[in-house]
Amino acid sequence: MNPNVTFALVYQTGIANVFKITEVSPTENVRQLILQSDFHTAETLVRGAKMAGAKTAVFACNMAGDITNQNWTCNLDSQPFSKEFRCSDLDNIRK
């Protein structure tokens, strides 16, 4: 596994995204969308990445459209759709 890569589960209103985040310098990251789907499918992909030894993180972004370059939050409980998240077993991967 590349130590500079993190797989991020990013909840969005009604959908979930998985991004591959590559750290290219201490102040610059490149975000690449690798999956946009329902919550369960995205959660399963991130669980698999974690089991394979990848660094993982969980975020939310309560915006519509392309969120690649938007600000994401770690405060999942503040999201209006958080009751639908099935990531209680993923708490240990949040950053």
N, C-alpha and C. Protein backbone atom coordinates (compact mmCIF):
# COMPACT_ATOMS: atom_id res chain seq x y z
N MET A 1 0.84 -1.19 0.00
CA MET A 1 0.00 0.00 0.00
C MET A 1 0.88 1.25 0.00
N ASN A 2 0.46 2.22 -0.77
CA ASN A 2 1.16 3.49 -0.82
C ASN A 2 0.85 4.27 0.46
N PRO A 3 1.85 4.61 1.26
CA PRO A 3 1.58 5.32 2.52
C PRO A 3 1.05 6.74 2.32
N ASN A 4 1.12 7.26 1.12
CA ASN A 4 0.62 8.61 0.83
C ASN A 4 -0.81 8.61 0.32
N VAL A 5 -1.46 7.44 0.31
CA VAL A 5 -2.82 7.33 -0.20
C VAL A 5 -3.79 7.01 0.93
N THR A 6 -4.92 7.72 0.94
CA THR A 6 -6.00 7.47 1.89
C THR A 6 -7.28 7.28 1.08
N PHE A 7 -8.09 6.30 1.47
CA PHE A 7 -9.41 6.13 0.87
C PHE A 7 -10.43 6.77 1.79
N ALA A 8 -11.16 7.76 1.28
CA ALA A 8 -12.10 8.53 2.09
C ALA A 8 -13.53 8.22 1.69
N LEU A 9 -14.33 7.84 2.68
CA LEU A 9 -15.77 7.70 2.52
C LEU A 9 -16.35 9.07 2.82
N VAL A 10 -17.05 9.65 1.85
CA VAL A 10 -17.63 10.98 2.03
C VAL A 10 -19.13 10.89 1.79
N TYR A 11 -19.89 11.03 2.89
CA TYR A 11 -21.34 11.02 2.78
C TYR A 11 -21.81 12.33 2.18
N GLN A 12 -22.78 12.23 1.31
CA GLN A 12 -23.39 13.40 0.68
C GLN A 12 -24.89 13.17 0.78
N THR A 13 -25.68 14.18 0.65
CA THR A 13 -27.13 14.03 0.80
C THR A 13 -27.66 12.93 -0.10
N GLY A 14 -28.04 11.80 0.50
CA GLY A 14 -28.66 10.71 -0.23
C GLY A 14 -27.72 9.76 -0.94
N ILE A 15 -26.44 10.08 -1.07
CA ILE A 15 -25.47 9.22 -1.72
C ILE A 15 -24.18 9.22 -0.91
N ALA A 16 -23.26 8.37 -1.31
CA ALA A 16 -21.94 8.35 -0.68
C ALA A 16 -20.89 8.25 -1.77
N ASN A 17 -19.74 8.80 -1.48
CA ASN A 17 -18.62 8.82 -2.43
C ASN A 17 -17.42 8.17 -1.78
N VAL A 18 -16.57 7.57 -2.59
CA VAL A 18 -15.27 7.12 -2.12
C VAL A 18 -14.23 7.83 -2.98
N PHE A 19 -13.33 8.51 -2.30
CA PHE A 19 -12.25 9.23 -2.96
C PHE A 19 -10.92 8.59 -2.62
N LYS A 20 -10.04 8.57 -3.59
CA LYS A 20 -8.65 8.22 -3.35
C LYS A 20 -7.92 9.55 -3.19
N ILE A 21 -7.33 9.75 -2.02
CA ILE A 21 -6.64 11.00 -1.74
C ILE A 21 -5.15 10.72 -1.70
N THR A 22 -4.41 11.37 -2.57
CA THR A 22 -2.96 11.20 -2.62
C THR A 22 -2.29 12.46 -2.11
N GLU A 23 -1.47 12.30 -1.09
CA GLU A 23 -0.71 13.44 -0.56
C GLU A 23 0.52 13.63 -1.43
N VAL A 24 0.58 14.77 -2.12
CA VAL A 24 1.72 15.04 -2.99
C VAL A 24 2.74 15.94 -2.30
N SER A 25 2.32 16.61 -1.25
CA SER A 25 3.22 17.40 -0.41
C SER A 25 2.50 17.59 0.92
N PRO A 26 3.19 18.09 1.94
CA PRO A 26 2.52 18.29 3.23
C PRO A 26 1.32 19.24 3.17
N THR A 27 1.25 20.07 2.15
CA THR A 27 0.15 21.04 2.06
C THR A 27 -0.75 20.83 0.85
N GLU A 28 -0.52 19.75 0.09
CA GLU A 28 -1.32 19.54 -1.12
C GLU A 28 -1.75 18.09 -1.25
N ASN A 29 -3.04 17.90 -1.47
CA ASN A 29 -3.62 16.58 -1.72
C ASN A 29 -4.34 16.60 -3.05
N VAL A 30 -4.35 15.45 -3.71
CA VAL A 30 -5.11 15.27 -4.94
C VAL A 30 -6.25 14.31 -4.62
N ARG A 31 -7.49 14.74 -4.87
CA ARG A 31 -8.67 13.92 -4.62
C ARG A 31 -9.18 13.35 -5.94
N GLN A 32 -9.34 12.04 -5.99
CA GLN A 32 -9.85 11.37 -7.19
C GLN A 32 -11.08 10.56 -6.80
N LEU A 33 -12.22 10.89 -7.38
CA LEU A 33 -13.45 10.15 -7.12
C LEU A 33 -13.35 8.77 -7.76
N ILE A 34 -13.51 7.72 -6.96
CA ILE A 34 -13.45 6.37 -7.52
C ILE A 34 -14.80 5.65 -7.47
N LEU A 35 -15.74 6.15 -6.65
CA LEU A 35 -17.06 5.54 -6.58
C LEU A 35 -18.07 6.54 -6.07
N GLN A 36 -19.23 6.57 -6.69
CA GLN A 36 -20.37 7.33 -6.18
C GLN A 36 -21.55 6.37 -6.22
N SER A 37 -22.14 6.11 -5.05
CA SER A 37 -23.20 5.10 -4.99
C SER A 37 -24.06 5.29 -3.75
N ASP A 38 -24.81 4.25 -3.43
CA ASP A 38 -25.59 4.25 -2.20
C ASP A 38 -24.64 4.13 -1.00
N PHE A 39 -25.16 4.44 0.19
CA PHE A 39 -24.33 4.41 1.39
C PHE A 39 -23.68 3.04 1.60
N HIS A 40 -24.47 1.99 1.52
CA HIS A 40 -23.98 0.65 1.85
C HIS A 40 -22.81 0.23 0.95
N THR A 41 -22.93 0.46 -0.34
CA THR A 41 -21.87 0.06 -1.27
C THR A 41 -20.57 0.81 -0.98
N ALA A 42 -20.67 2.11 -0.74
CA ALA A 42 -19.47 2.90 -0.44
C ALA A 42 -18.85 2.49 0.89
N GLU A 43 -19.68 2.25 1.89
CA GLU A 43 -19.18 1.81 3.20
C GLU A 43 -18.45 0.47 3.07
N THR A 44 -19.00 -0.42 2.26
CA THR A 44 -18.39 -1.73 2.07
C THR A 44 -17.03 -1.61 1.38
N LEU A 45 -16.92 -0.74 0.39
CA LEU A 45 -15.64 -0.55 -0.29
C LEU A 45 -14.58 -0.03 0.68
N VAL A 46 -14.93 0.92 1.52
CA VAL A 46 -13.95 1.48 2.46
C VAL A 46 -13.58 0.45 3.52
N ARG A 47 -14.53 -0.35 3.96
CA ARG A 47 -14.20 -1.43 4.90
C ARG A 47 -13.20 -2.39 4.27
N GLY A 48 -13.41 -2.73 3.00
CA GLY A 48 -12.49 -3.62 2.31
C GLY A 48 -11.10 -3.01 2.17
N ALA A 49 -11.04 -1.72 1.86
CA ALA A 49 -9.74 -1.04 1.75
C ALA A 49 -9.02 -1.08 3.10
N LYS A 50 -9.76 -0.85 4.17
CA LYS A 50 -9.16 -0.89 5.51
C LYS A 50 -8.64 -2.29 5.82
N MET A 51 -9.42 -3.30 5.50
CA MET A 51 -9.00 -4.67 5.75
C MET A 51 -7.76 -5.04 4.94
N ALA A 52 -7.59 -4.41 3.78
CA ALA A 52 -6.42 -4.67 2.93
C ALA A 52 -5.19 -3.87 3.38
N GLY A 53 -5.36 -3.05 4.42
CA GLY A 53 -4.22 -2.31 4.97
C GLY A 53 -4.12 -0.86 4.56
N ALA A 54 -5.11 -0.35 3.85
CA ALA A 54 -5.07 1.05 3.40
C ALA A 54 -5.45 2.00 4.54
N LYS A 55 -4.95 3.22 4.46
CA LYS A 55 -5.40 4.27 5.36
C LYS A 55 -6.78 4.71 4.89
N THR A 56 -7.68 4.94 5.84
CA THR A 56 -9.04 5.32 5.50
C THR A 56 -9.51 6.45 6.39
N ALA A 57 -10.55 7.14 5.95
CA ALA A 57 -11.13 8.24 6.72
C ALA A 57 -12.60 8.38 6.33
N VAL A 58 -13.40 8.98 7.22
CA VAL A 58 -14.82 9.18 6.96
C VAL A 58 -15.15 10.66 7.13
N PHE A 59 -15.85 11.21 6.15
CA PHE A 59 -16.25 12.61 6.16
C PHE A 59 -17.69 12.73 5.69
N ALA A 60 -18.21 13.96 5.71
CA ALA A 60 -19.51 14.28 5.14
C ALA A 60 -19.43 15.64 4.47
N CYS A 61 -20.29 15.83 3.49
CA CYS A 61 -20.38 17.11 2.81
C CYS A 61 -21.84 17.31 2.42
N ASN A 62 -22.50 18.25 3.06
CA ASN A 62 -23.93 18.47 2.83
C ASN A 62 -24.14 19.49 1.71
N MET A 63 -23.62 19.16 0.54
CA MET A 63 -23.76 20.03 -0.64
C MET A 63 -24.19 19.16 -1.81
N ALA A 64 -24.83 19.76 -2.77
CA ALA A 64 -25.22 19.06 -3.99
C ALA A 64 -24.11 19.21 -5.03
N GLY A 65 -24.10 18.31 -5.99
CA GLY A 65 -23.16 18.42 -7.10
C GLY A 65 -21.79 17.83 -6.78
N ASP A 66 -20.82 18.26 -7.55
CA ASP A 66 -19.45 17.77 -7.42
C ASP A 66 -18.83 18.32 -6.14
N ILE A 67 -18.45 17.44 -5.24
CA ILE A 67 -17.88 17.87 -3.96
C ILE A 67 -16.37 17.64 -3.88
N THR A 68 -15.76 17.30 -5.00
CA THR A 68 -14.34 16.98 -5.00
C THR A 68 -13.50 18.07 -4.32
N ASN A 69 -13.75 19.31 -4.64
CA ASN A 69 -12.92 20.40 -4.11
C ASN A 69 -13.62 21.22 -3.03
N GLN A 70 -14.72 20.68 -2.50
CA GLN A 70 -15.43 21.37 -1.42
C GLN A 70 -14.81 21.00 -0.07
N ASN A 71 -15.18 21.74 0.96
CA ASN A 71 -14.74 21.42 2.32
C ASN A 71 -15.58 20.27 2.84
N TRP A 72 -14.93 19.30 3.45
CA TRP A 72 -15.60 18.16 4.06
C TRP A 72 -15.47 18.28 5.57
N THR A 73 -16.41 17.69 6.29
CA THR A 73 -16.38 17.74 7.75
C THR A 73 -16.26 16.34 8.33
N CYS A 74 -15.65 16.25 9.49
CA CYS A 74 -15.58 14.99 10.24
C CYS A 74 -16.77 14.87 11.19
N ASN A 75 -17.54 15.94 11.35
CA ASN A 75 -18.66 15.97 12.28
C ASN A 75 -19.89 15.33 11.62
N LEU A 76 -19.92 14.02 11.63
CA LEU A 76 -21.00 13.30 10.97
C LEU A 76 -22.34 13.50 11.66
N ASP A 77 -22.33 13.63 12.97
CA ASP A 77 -23.58 13.77 13.71
C ASP A 77 -24.32 15.05 13.39
N SER A 78 -23.64 16.04 12.87
CA SER A 78 -24.28 17.31 12.54
C SER A 78 -25.01 17.28 11.20
N GLN A 79 -24.87 16.20 10.45
CA GLN A 79 -25.46 16.11 9.12
C GLN A 79 -26.94 15.73 9.23
N PRO A 80 -27.79 16.36 8.42
CA PRO A 80 -29.23 16.08 8.50
C PRO A 80 -29.59 14.65 8.09
N PHE A 81 -28.70 13.95 7.44
CA PHE A 81 -28.97 12.60 6.97
C PHE A 81 -28.17 11.54 7.73
N SER A 82 -27.60 11.89 8.88
CA SER A 82 -26.69 11.00 9.60
C SER A 82 -27.35 9.75 10.15
N LYS A 83 -28.65 9.76 10.37
CA LYS A 83 -29.32 8.57 10.90
C LYS A 83 -29.28 7.41 9.90
N GLU A 84 -29.00 7.70 8.65
CA GLU A 84 -28.93 6.66 7.62
C GLU A 84 -27.53 6.06 7.48
N PHE A 85 -26.54 6.64 8.14
CA PHE A 85 -25.17 6.13 8.03
C PHE A 85 -25.09 4.77 8.71
N ARG A 86 -24.35 3.86 8.13
CA ARG A 86 -24.12 2.55 8.73
C ARG A 86 -22.63 2.38 8.97
N CYS A 87 -22.03 3.35 9.63
CA CYS A 87 -20.58 3.32 9.80
C CYS A 87 -20.17 3.26 11.26
N SER A 88 -21.04 2.80 12.15
CA SER A 88 -20.67 2.78 13.57
C SER A 88 -19.42 1.93 13.79
N ASP A 89 -19.23 0.91 12.98
CA ASP A 89 -18.02 0.08 13.10
C ASP A 89 -16.82 0.75 12.44
N LEU A 90 -17.04 1.88 11.78
CA LEU A 90 -15.93 2.58 11.11
C LEU A 90 -15.41 3.76 11.94
N ASP A 91 -15.93 3.94 13.15
CA ASP A 91 -15.51 5.08 13.96
C ASP A 91 -13.99 5.16 14.09
N ASN A 92 -13.35 4.02 14.16
CA ASN A 92 -11.90 4.03 14.35
C ASN A 92 -11.13 4.46 13.11
N ILE A 93 -11.80 4.67 11.97
CA ILE A 93 -11.06 5.10 10.79
C ILE A 93 -11.25 6.57 10.51
N ARG A 94 -12.05 7.25 11.32
CA ARG A 94 -12.25 8.68 11.09
C ARG A 94 -10.98 9.44 11.40
N LYS A 95 -10.77 10.52 10.65
CA LYS A 95 -9.62 11.39 10.92
C LYS A 95 -10.12 12.72 11.38
